[in-house]
Amino acid sequence: MKTPPAIIEKDATTEKTKFGVRIANTNSSAANILGMKEPKGVIIISVVQDSVALSAGLKQGDAILRFGDR
């Protein structure tokens, strides 16, 4: 399920751009929509054009719960 952009909190302390995606920590509203018991992971706020992330199919609103062994 795609997370509506309206529930993504914009907070300069939690937003980061890594690997061609701009991310923010998952908030309680996003967690609720995604069916999580508690907020975890990050939500993609935007994907950089012509990036590896775009080529991999990542989209705004996707949740990333695990990256490698983290």
C-alpha atoms as a PDB file:
ATOM      1  CA  MET A   1       0.000   0.000   0.000  1.00  0.00           C
ATOM      2  CA  LYS A   2       1.384   3.416  -0.934  1.00  0.00           C
ATOM      3  CA  THR A   3       1.679   5.871   1.945  1.00  0.00           C
ATOM      4  CA  PRO A   4      -0.097   9.167   1.196  1.00  0.00           C
ATOM      5  CA  PRO A   5       2.452  12.023   1.127  1.00  0.00           C
ATOM      6  CA  ALA A   6       0.270  14.067   3.503  1.00  0.00           C
ATOM      7  CA  ILE A   7       1.172  11.834   6.450  1.00  0.00           C
ATOM      8  CA  ILE A   8       4.912  12.076   5.924  1.00  0.00           C
ATOM      9  CA  GLU A   9       6.275  14.469   8.537  1.00  0.00           C
ATOM     10  CA  LYS A  10       8.863  16.868   7.152  1.00  0.00           C
ATOM     11  CA  ASP A  11      11.496  17.272   9.844  1.00  0.00           C
ATOM     12  CA  ALA A  12      14.978  18.475   8.903  1.00  0.00           C
ATOM     13  CA  THR A  13      16.495  16.458  11.742  1.00  0.00           C
ATOM     14  CA  THR A  14      15.102  13.157  10.438  1.00  0.00           C
ATOM     15  CA  GLU A  15      15.181  13.671   6.660  1.00  0.00           C
ATOM     16  CA  LYS A  16      18.214  12.364   4.806  1.00  0.00           C
ATOM     17  CA  THR A  17      19.172  11.702   1.202  1.00  0.00           C
ATOM     18  CA  LYS A  18      20.926   8.368   0.680  1.00  0.00           C
ATOM     19  CA  PHE A  19      21.377   6.139  -2.374  1.00  0.00           C
ATOM     20  CA  GLY A  20      19.124   8.313  -4.525  1.00  0.00           C
ATOM     21  CA  VAL A  21      16.188   8.466  -2.112  1.00  0.00           C
ATOM     22  CA  ARG A  22      15.135  11.083   0.393  1.00  0.00           C
ATOM     23  CA  ILE A  23      13.875   9.400   3.554  1.00  0.00           C
ATOM     24  CA  ALA A  24      12.291  10.223   6.908  1.00  0.00           C
ATOM     25  CA  ASN A  25      11.630   8.088   9.962  1.00  0.00           C
ATOM     26  CA  THR A  26       8.255   6.348   9.890  1.00  0.00           C
ATOM     27  CA  ASN A  27       5.736   8.260  11.986  1.00  0.00           C
ATOM     28  CA  SER A  28       2.721   6.834  13.827  1.00  0.00           C
ATOM     29  CA  SER A  29       0.267   7.857  11.064  1.00  0.00           C
ATOM     30  CA  ALA A  30       2.280   6.063   8.379  1.00  0.00           C
ATOM     31  CA  ALA A  31       2.698   3.033  10.634  1.00  0.00           C
ATOM     32  CA  ASN A  32      -1.064   2.860  11.145  1.00  0.00           C
ATOM     33  CA  ILE A  33      -1.802   3.008   7.393  1.00  0.00           C
ATOM     34  CA  LEU A  34       0.837   0.356   6.694  1.00  0.00           C
ATOM     35  CA  GLY A  35      -0.617  -1.929   9.383  1.00  0.00           C
ATOM     36  CA  MET A  36       2.423  -1.749  11.668  1.00  0.00           C
ATOM     37  CA  LYS A  37       1.949  -2.190  15.412  1.00  0.00           C
ATOM     38  CA  GLU A  38       4.541   0.529  15.985  1.00  0.00           C
ATOM     39  CA  PRO A  39       6.556   2.873  13.755  1.00  0.00           C
ATOM     40  CA  LYS A  40       9.703   1.271  12.325  1.00  0.00           C
ATOM     41  CA  GLY A  41      11.949   1.793   9.359  1.00  0.00           C
ATOM     42  CA  VAL A  42      11.819   4.794   7.056  1.00  0.00           C
ATOM     43  CA  ILE A  43       9.456   6.172   4.425  1.00  0.00           C
ATOM     44  CA  ILE A  44      10.725   7.325   1.037  1.00  0.00           C
ATOM     45  CA  ILE A  45       9.856  10.997   0.582  1.00  0.00           C
ATOM     46  CA  SER A  46      11.273  11.283  -2.930  1.00  0.00           C
ATOM     47  CA  VAL A  47      13.445   9.423  -5.419  1.00  0.00           C
ATOM     48  CA  VAL A  48      16.236  11.163  -7.337  1.00  0.00           C
ATOM     49  CA  GLN A  49      15.870  10.980 -11.135  1.00  0.00           C
ATOM     50  CA  ASP A  50      18.376   8.707 -12.899  1.00  0.00           C
ATOM     51  CA  SER A  51      19.448   7.105  -9.603  1.00  0.00           C
ATOM     52  CA  VAL A  52      20.062   3.485  -8.670  1.00  0.00           C
ATOM     53  CA  ALA A  53      16.995   3.687  -6.412  1.00  0.00           C
ATOM     54  CA  LEU A  54      14.774   4.712  -9.338  1.00  0.00           C
ATOM     55  CA  SER A  55      16.209   1.904 -11.469  1.00  0.00           C
ATOM     56  CA  ALA A  56      15.450  -0.538  -8.640  1.00  0.00           C
ATOM     57  CA  GLY A  57      11.789   0.524  -8.660  1.00  0.00           C
ATOM     58  CA  LEU A  58      11.668   2.429  -5.381  1.00  0.00           C
ATOM     59  CA  LYS A  59       8.859   5.002  -5.223  1.00  0.00           C
ATOM     60  CA  GLN A  60       7.661   7.833  -3.008  1.00  0.00           C
ATOM     61  CA  GLY A  61       5.677   6.423  -0.099  1.00  0.00           C
ATOM     62  CA  ASP A  62       7.466   3.053  -0.030  1.00  0.00           C
ATOM     63  CA  ALA A  63       8.542   1.861   3.419  1.00  0.00           C
ATOM     64  CA  ILE A  64      12.024   0.465   3.942  1.00  0.00           C
ATOM     65  CA  LEU A  65      12.063  -1.880   6.927  1.00  0.00           C
ATOM     66  CA  ARG A  66      15.434  -3.554   6.418  1.00  0.00           C
ATOM     67  CA  PHE A  67      18.640  -2.731   4.594  1.00  0.00           C
ATOM     68  CA  GLY A  68      21.165  -5.543   4.573  1.00  0.00           C
ATOM     69  CA  ASP A  69      21.402  -6.905   8.113  1.00  0.00           C
ATOM     70  CA  ARG A  70      19.931  -3.763   9.693  1.00  0.00           C
END
